């Protein structure tokens, strides 16, 4: 079977991501206490807790409708700039697959490319600014390269996940251009960006949900 992302898979992703993020409260809060204002975990956890409550409304729906529900929920439930960024990103992804029941690997790329492009535009940011984009951007770029190279599904998912992890880990050596860390002495160098870390958690959860469905 080929990579297929439908409402069932995405609901499993939400469950996995919510569980992972909830379990990393101390770690993510510690990261954010050093580079930010310490509320990133609380905000992103609130978003995924709210998504869990929305699962009944997403069951059996087309993937575009699922993305819209996620986007509206995140925009209203996640505090600070993250809510706007995540919300608008999912709304952008929804436009790439209007009326489609599911996504294949190419559709997944288009949806996540729309997400990262919207985040960059909305946040006036780009790779290397020490933000969540530094995990998402390389994952999307790697997905494109693997698709163009005709890689098999297992390799595509493994590379997608690894690129997100590597991107998140790379933020340790970056100087922050955006966010509270950009105002600190040292600009957060030596510390991972919490937004990039939780973005990696989400990519990992998505890949695991897709693997279980193949």
C-alpha atoms as a PDB file:
ATOM      1  CA  UNK A   1       0.000   0.000   0.000  1.00  0.00           C
ATOM      2  CA  UNK A   2       1.112   3.536  -0.718  1.00  0.00           C
ATOM      3  CA  UNK A   3       1.221   6.506   1.635  1.00  0.00           C
ATOM      4  CA  UNK A   4      -2.341   7.641   2.285  1.00  0.00           C
ATOM      5  CA  UNK A   5      -3.364  10.395   4.666  1.00  0.00           C
ATOM      6  CA  UNK A   6      -7.097  10.569   5.363  1.00  0.00           C
ATOM      7  CA  UNK A   7      -9.178  11.659   8.357  1.00  0.00           C
ATOM      8  CA  UNK A   8      -8.487   8.388  10.180  1.00  0.00           C
ATOM      9  CA  UNK A   9      -4.730   8.765   9.830  1.00  0.00           C
ATOM     10  CA  UNK A  10      -4.798  12.413  10.788  1.00  0.00           C
ATOM     11  CA  UNK A  11      -6.893  11.692  13.870  1.00  0.00           C
ATOM     12  CA  UNK A  12      -4.277   9.130  14.906  1.00  0.00           C
ATOM     13  CA  UNK A  13      -1.626  11.781  14.325  1.00  0.00           C
ATOM     14  CA  UNK A  14      -3.490  14.173  16.640  1.00  0.00           C
ATOM     15  CA  UNK A  15      -3.684  11.531  19.364  1.00  0.00           C
ATOM     16  CA  UNK A  16      -0.011  10.666  19.082  1.00  0.00           C
ATOM     17  CA  UNK A  17       1.145  14.279  18.964  1.00  0.00           C
ATOM     18  CA  UNK A  18      -1.061  15.220  21.911  1.00  0.00           C
ATOM     19  CA  UNK A  19       0.336  12.354  23.985  1.00  0.00           C
ATOM     20  CA  UNK A  20       3.951  13.160  23.100  1.00  0.00           C
ATOM     21  CA  UNK A  21       3.609  16.885  23.776  1.00  0.00           C
ATOM     22  CA  UNK A  22       1.821  16.275  27.082  1.00  0.00           C
ATOM     23  CA  UNK A  23       4.629  13.942  28.197  1.00  0.00           C
ATOM     24  CA  UNK A  24       7.337  16.522  27.464  1.00  0.00           C
ATOM     25  CA  UNK A  25       5.960  19.299  29.682  1.00  0.00           C
ATOM     26  CA  UNK A  26       9.047  19.724  31.852  1.00  0.00           C
ATOM     27  CA  UNK A  27      11.535  19.500  28.978  1.00  0.00           C
ATOM     28  CA  UNK A  28       9.792  21.914  26.630  1.00  0.00           C
ATOM     29  CA  UNK A  29       9.014  24.368  29.418  1.00  0.00           C
ATOM     30  CA  UNK A  30      12.649  24.305  30.484  1.00  0.00           C
ATOM     31  CA  UNK A  31      13.771  25.052  26.930  1.00  0.00           C
ATOM     32  CA  UNK A  32      11.309  27.921  26.656  1.00  0.00           C
ATOM     33  CA  UNK A  33      12.219  29.322  30.064  1.00  0.00           C
ATOM     34  CA  UNK A  34      15.751  29.824  28.778  1.00  0.00           C
ATOM     35  CA  UNK A  35      14.944  31.289  25.365  1.00  0.00           C
ATOM     36  CA  UNK A  36      11.376  32.587  25.701  1.00  0.00           C
ATOM     37  CA  UNK A  37       8.707  33.376  28.259  1.00  0.00           C
ATOM     38  CA  UNK A  38       8.063  29.793  29.333  1.00  0.00           C
ATOM     39  CA  UNK A  39       4.549  29.419  27.932  1.00  0.00           C
ATOM     40  CA  UNK A  40       5.152  27.524  24.691  1.00  0.00           C
ATOM     41  CA  UNK A  41       4.344  24.120  26.141  1.00  0.00           C
ATOM     42  CA  UNK A  42       1.174  25.377  27.797  1.00  0.00           C
ATOM     43  CA  UNK A  43       0.023  26.959  24.539  1.00  0.00           C
ATOM     44  CA  UNK A  44       0.767  24.048  22.209  1.00  0.00           C
ATOM     45  CA  UNK A  45      -0.576  21.543  24.724  1.00  0.00           C
ATOM     46  CA  UNK A  46      -3.797  23.523  24.980  1.00  0.00           C
ATOM     47  CA  UNK A  47      -4.081  23.425  21.206  1.00  0.00           C
ATOM     48  CA  UNK A  48      -3.744  19.652  20.991  1.00  0.00           C
ATOM     49  CA  UNK A  49      -5.981  19.064  23.997  1.00  0.00           C
ATOM     50  CA  UNK A  50      -8.629  21.066  22.167  1.00  0.00           C
ATOM     51  CA  UNK A  51      -8.051  19.048  18.993  1.00  0.00           C
ATOM     52  CA  UNK A  52      -8.665  15.829  20.908  1.00  0.00           C
ATOM     53  CA  UNK A  53     -12.061  17.230  21.862  1.00  0.00           C
ATOM     54  CA  UNK A  54     -12.743  18.000  18.185  1.00  0.00           C
ATOM     55  CA  UNK A  55     -12.074  14.453  16.962  1.00  0.00           C
ATOM     56  CA  UNK A  56     -15.770  13.483  16.709  1.00  0.00           C
ATOM     57  CA  UNK A  57     -16.296  16.422  14.339  1.00  0.00           C
ATOM     58  CA  UNK A  58     -13.426  15.233  12.123  1.00  0.00           C
ATOM     59  CA  UNK A  59     -14.277  11.537  11.835  1.00  0.00           C
ATOM     60  CA  UNK A  60     -15.105  10.504   8.273  1.00  0.00           C
ATOM     61  CA  UNK A  61     -14.627  14.004   6.866  1.00  0.00           C
ATOM     62  CA  UNK A  62     -12.567  14.860   3.793  1.00  0.00           C
ATOM     63  CA  UNK A  63      -8.992  15.858   4.539  1.00  0.00           C
ATOM     64  CA  UNK A  64      -9.556  19.501   3.613  1.00  0.00           C
ATOM     65  CA  UNK A  65     -12.342  19.744   6.201  1.00  0.00           C
ATOM     66  CA  UNK A  66     -10.063  18.128   8.783  1.00  0.00           C
ATOM     67  CA  UNK A  67      -7.379  20.739   8.096  1.00  0.00           C
ATOM     68  CA  UNK A  68      -9.927  23.548   8.371  1.00  0.00           C
ATOM     69  CA  UNK A  69     -11.152  22.270  11.723  1.00  0.00           C
ATOM     70  CA  UNK A  70      -7.582  22.030  12.978  1.00  0.00           C
ATOM     71  CA  UNK A  71      -6.753  25.489  11.696  1.00  0.00           C
ATOM     72  CA  UNK A  72      -9.741  27.167  13.304  1.00  0.00           C
ATOM     73  CA  UNK A  73      -9.192  25.317  16.578  1.00  0.00           C
ATOM     74  CA  UNK A  74      -5.511  26.170  16.807  1.00  0.00           C
ATOM     75  CA  UNK A  75      -6.135  29.796  15.924  1.00  0.00           C
ATOM     76  CA  UNK A  76      -8.661  30.128  18.725  1.00  0.00           C
ATOM     77  CA  UNK A  77      -7.026  27.949  21.389  1.00  0.00           C
ATOM     78  CA  UNK A  78      -3.261  28.446  21.090  1.00  0.00           C
ATOM     79  CA  UNK A  79      -2.092  31.670  22.655  1.00  0.00           C
ATOM     80  CA  UNK A  80       0.418  34.106  21.218  1.00  0.00           C
ATOM     81  CA  UNK A  81       1.800  34.129  17.714  1.00  0.00           C
ATOM     82  CA  UNK A  82       1.893  30.326  17.491  1.00  0.00           C
ATOM     83  CA  UNK A  83      -1.888  30.157  17.298  1.00  0.00           C
ATOM     84  CA  UNK A  84      -2.018  32.496  14.334  1.00  0.00           C
ATOM     85  CA  UNK A  85       0.852  30.721  12.599  1.00  0.00           C
ATOM     86  CA  UNK A  86      -0.519  27.224  13.069  1.00  0.00           C
ATOM     87  CA  UNK A  87      -4.065  28.290  12.307  1.00  0.00           C
ATOM     88  CA  UNK A  88      -3.236  30.076   9.076  1.00  0.00           C
ATOM     89  CA  UNK A  89      -0.880  27.257   8.037  1.00  0.00           C
ATOM     90  CA  UNK A  90      -3.594  24.638   8.280  1.00  0.00           C
ATOM     91  CA  UNK A  91      -6.075  26.861   6.466  1.00  0.00           C
ATOM     92  CA  UNK A  92      -3.509  27.223   3.659  1.00  0.00           C
ATOM     93  CA  UNK A  93      -3.043  23.451   3.577  1.00  0.00           C
ATOM     94  CA  UNK A  94      -6.811  22.979   3.314  1.00  0.00           C
ATOM     95  CA  UNK A  95      -6.859  24.983   0.097  1.00  0.00           C
ATOM     96  CA  UNK A  96      -4.471  22.534  -1.574  1.00  0.00           C
ATOM     97  CA  UNK A  97      -6.876  19.615  -1.212  1.00  0.00           C
ATOM     98  CA  UNK A  98     -10.410  20.993  -1.392  1.00  0.00           C
ATOM     99  CA  UNK A  99     -12.932  18.159  -1.602  1.00  0.00           C
ATOM    100  CA  UNK A 100     -10.287  15.417  -1.446  1.00  0.00           C
ATOM    101  CA  UNK A 101     -10.894  12.456   0.853  1.00  0.00           C
ATOM    102  CA  UNK A 102      -7.213  11.706   1.276  1.00  0.00           C
ATOM    103  CA  UNK A 103      -3.688  12.685   0.300  1.00  0.00           C
ATOM    104  CA  UNK A 104      -1.031  10.596  -1.368  1.00  0.00           C
ATOM    105  CA  UNK A 105       2.654  11.410  -0.866  1.00  0.00           C
ATOM    106  CA  UNK A 106       2.547  14.197  -3.451  1.00  0.00           C
ATOM    107  CA  UNK A 107      -0.561  15.654  -1.855  1.00  0.00           C
ATOM    108  CA  UNK A 108       1.112  15.508   1.541  1.00  0.00           C
ATOM    109  CA  UNK A 109       4.004  17.495   0.136  1.00  0.00           C
ATOM    110  CA  UNK A 110       1.711  20.141  -1.334  1.00  0.00           C
ATOM    111  CA  UNK A 111      -0.190  20.502   1.937  1.00  0.00           C
ATOM    112  CA  UNK A 112       2.929  20.843   4.075  1.00  0.00           C
ATOM    113  CA  UNK A 113       4.628  23.105   1.550  1.00  0.00           C
ATOM    114  CA  UNK A 114       1.599  25.393   1.808  1.00  0.00           C
ATOM    115  CA  UNK A 115       1.910  25.244   5.598  1.00  0.00           C
ATOM    116  CA  UNK A 116       5.559  26.238   5.767  1.00  0.00           C
ATOM    117  CA  UNK A 117       5.158  28.937   3.110  1.00  0.00           C
ATOM    118  CA  UNK A 118       2.256  30.443   5.049  1.00  0.00           C
ATOM    119  CA  UNK A 119       4.221  30.340   8.304  1.00  0.00           C
ATOM    120  CA  UNK A 120       7.145  32.109   6.659  1.00  0.00           C
ATOM    121  CA  UNK A 121       4.912  34.771   5.126  1.00  0.00           C
ATOM    122  CA  UNK A 122       2.702  35.294   8.171  1.00  0.00           C
ATOM    123  CA  UNK A 123       5.604  35.317  10.615  1.00  0.00           C
ATOM    124  CA  UNK A 124       7.947  37.253   8.337  1.00  0.00           C
ATOM    125  CA  UNK A 125      10.524  34.563   8.964  1.00  0.00           C
ATOM    126  CA  UNK A 126      12.689  32.120   7.073  1.00  0.00           C
ATOM    127  CA  UNK A 127      14.942  29.126   7.772  1.00  0.00           C
ATOM    128  CA  UNK A 128      17.798  29.998  10.097  1.00  0.00           C
ATOM    129  CA  UNK A 129      15.776  32.387  12.269  1.00  0.00           C
ATOM    130  CA  UNK A 130      15.638  29.820  15.114  1.00  0.00           C
ATOM    131  CA  UNK A 131      11.906  29.092  14.967  1.00  0.00           C
ATOM    132  CA  UNK A 132       9.601  26.123  14.325  1.00  0.00           C
ATOM    133  CA  UNK A 133      10.227  26.713  10.622  1.00  0.00           C
ATOM    134  CA  UNK A 134      13.717  25.291  11.092  1.00  0.00           C
ATOM    135  CA  UNK A 135      12.196  21.852  11.711  1.00  0.00           C
ATOM    136  CA  UNK A 136       9.395  22.041   9.158  1.00  0.00           C
ATOM    137  CA  UNK A 137      11.273  23.569   6.208  1.00  0.00           C
ATOM    138  CA  UNK A 138      14.000  20.900   5.858  1.00  0.00           C
ATOM    139  CA  UNK A 139      11.406  18.158   6.314  1.00  0.00           C
ATOM    140  CA  UNK A 140       9.332  19.535   3.441  1.00  0.00           C
ATOM    141  CA  UNK A 141      12.390  20.053   1.241  1.00  0.00           C
ATOM    142  CA  UNK A 142      13.554  16.503   1.911  1.00  0.00           C
ATOM    143  CA  UNK A 143      10.102  15.164   1.083  1.00  0.00           C
ATOM    144  CA  UNK A 144      10.252  16.930  -2.286  1.00  0.00           C
ATOM    145  CA  UNK A 145      13.706  15.514  -3.050  1.00  0.00           C
ATOM    146  CA  UNK A 146      12.692  11.969  -2.132  1.00  0.00           C
ATOM    147  CA  UNK A 147       9.562  12.167  -4.263  1.00  0.00           C
ATOM    148  CA  UNK A 148      11.573  13.422  -7.225  1.00  0.00           C
ATOM    149  CA  UNK A 149      14.090  10.625  -6.722  1.00  0.00           C
ATOM    150  CA  UNK A 150      11.408   7.947  -6.619  1.00  0.00           C
ATOM    151  CA  UNK A 151      12.248   6.757  -3.113  1.00  0.00           C
ATOM    152  CA  UNK A 152      10.092   4.053  -1.536  1.00  0.00           C
ATOM    153  CA  UNK A 153       7.454   4.928   1.069  1.00  0.00           C
ATOM    154  CA  UNK A 154       9.449   3.728   4.067  1.00  0.00           C
ATOM    155  CA  UNK A 155      12.464   5.811   3.043  1.00  0.00           C
ATOM    156  CA  UNK A 156      10.283   8.854   2.383  1.00  0.00           C
ATOM    157  CA  UNK A 157       8.784   8.715   5.875  1.00  0.00           C
ATOM    158  CA  UNK A 158      12.126   7.999   7.549  1.00  0.00           C
ATOM    159  CA  UNK A 159      13.820  10.896   5.768  1.00  0.00           C
ATOM    160  CA  UNK A 160      10.881  13.250   6.409  1.00  0.00           C
ATOM    161  CA  UNK A 161      11.058  12.534  10.129  1.00  0.00           C
ATOM    162  CA  UNK A 162      14.865  12.654  10.330  1.00  0.00           C
ATOM    163  CA  UNK A 163      15.049  15.976   8.485  1.00  0.00           C
ATOM    164  CA  UNK A 164      12.636  17.505  10.996  1.00  0.00           C
ATOM    165  CA  UNK A 165      14.718  16.182  13.892  1.00  0.00           C
ATOM    166  CA  UNK A 166      17.985  17.393  12.385  1.00  0.00           C
ATOM    167  CA  UNK A 167      16.434  20.789  11.722  1.00  0.00           C
ATOM    168  CA  UNK A 168      15.237  21.100  15.303  1.00  0.00           C
ATOM    169  CA  UNK A 169      18.630  20.042  16.683  1.00  0.00           C
ATOM    170  CA  UNK A 170      20.375  22.577  14.432  1.00  0.00           C
ATOM    171  CA  UNK A 171      18.610  25.451  16.204  1.00  0.00           C
ATOM    172  CA  UNK A 172      20.995  24.985  19.125  1.00  0.00           C
ATOM    173  CA  UNK A 173      23.750  26.768  17.197  1.00  0.00           C
ATOM    174  CA  UNK A 174      21.518  29.474  15.683  1.00  0.00           C
ATOM    175  CA  UNK A 175      21.081  33.058  16.776  1.00  0.00           C
ATOM    176  CA  UNK A 176      17.423  33.966  17.216  1.00  0.00           C
ATOM    177  CA  UNK A 177      16.099  36.577  14.789  1.00  0.00           C
ATOM    178  CA  UNK A 178      12.486  36.349  15.934  1.00  0.00           C
ATOM    179  CA  UNK A 179      10.853  35.998  19.344  1.00  0.00           C
ATOM    180  CA  UNK A 180      11.999  36.832  22.856  1.00  0.00           C
ATOM    181  CA  UNK A 181      15.305  35.002  22.441  1.00  0.00           C
ATOM    182  CA  UNK A 182      16.344  37.582  19.829  1.00  0.00           C
ATOM    183  CA  UNK A 183      16.480  40.216  22.582  1.00  0.00           C
ATOM    184  CA  UNK A 184      18.714  38.189  24.877  1.00  0.00           C
ATOM    185  CA  UNK A 185      22.455  38.419  25.209  1.00  0.00           C
ATOM    186  CA  UNK A 186      23.743  35.596  23.040  1.00  0.00           C
ATOM    187  CA  UNK A 187      20.414  35.405  21.199  1.00  0.00           C
ATOM    188  CA  UNK A 188      19.709  31.908  22.473  1.00  0.00           C
ATOM    189  CA  UNK A 189      22.861  30.318  21.043  1.00  0.00           C
ATOM    190  CA  UNK A 190      23.524  27.028  22.803  1.00  0.00           C
ATOM    191  CA  UNK A 191      19.851  26.261  23.373  1.00  0.00           C
ATOM    192  CA  UNK A 192      17.285  24.452  21.239  1.00  0.00           C
ATOM    193  CA  UNK A 193      14.248  26.361  20.045  1.00  0.00           C
ATOM    194  CA  UNK A 194      11.161  24.896  21.781  1.00  0.00           C
ATOM    195  CA  UNK A 195       8.910  25.602  18.790  1.00  0.00           C
ATOM    196  CA  UNK A 196      11.211  23.629  16.511  1.00  0.00           C
ATOM    197  CA  UNK A 197      11.286  20.770  19.014  1.00  0.00           C
ATOM    198  CA  UNK A 198       7.492  20.513  19.250  1.00  0.00           C
ATOM    199  CA  UNK A 199       7.277  20.742  15.464  1.00  0.00           C
ATOM    200  CA  UNK A 200       9.587  17.737  15.245  1.00  0.00           C
ATOM    201  CA  UNK A 201       7.342  15.886  17.700  1.00  0.00           C
ATOM    202  CA  UNK A 202       4.436  16.514  15.344  1.00  0.00           C
ATOM    203  CA  UNK A 203       6.279  15.320  12.226  1.00  0.00           C
ATOM    204  CA  UNK A 204       7.371  12.210  14.108  1.00  0.00           C
ATOM    205  CA  UNK A 205       3.794  11.537  15.237  1.00  0.00           C
ATOM    206  CA  UNK A 206       2.480  12.008  11.703  1.00  0.00           C
ATOM    207  CA  UNK A 207       5.021   9.613  10.213  1.00  0.00           C
ATOM    208  CA  UNK A 208       4.206   6.986  12.835  1.00  0.00           C
ATOM    209  CA  UNK A 209       0.473   7.355  12.164  1.00  0.00           C
ATOM    210  CA  UNK A 210       1.058   6.938   8.425  1.00  0.00           C
ATOM    211  CA  UNK A 211       3.310   3.910   8.955  1.00  0.00           C
ATOM    212  CA  UNK A 212       0.673   2.168  11.044  1.00  0.00           C
ATOM    213  CA  UNK A 213      -1.900   2.704   8.284  1.00  0.00           C
ATOM    214  CA  UNK A 214       0.240   1.381   5.414  1.00  0.00           C
END
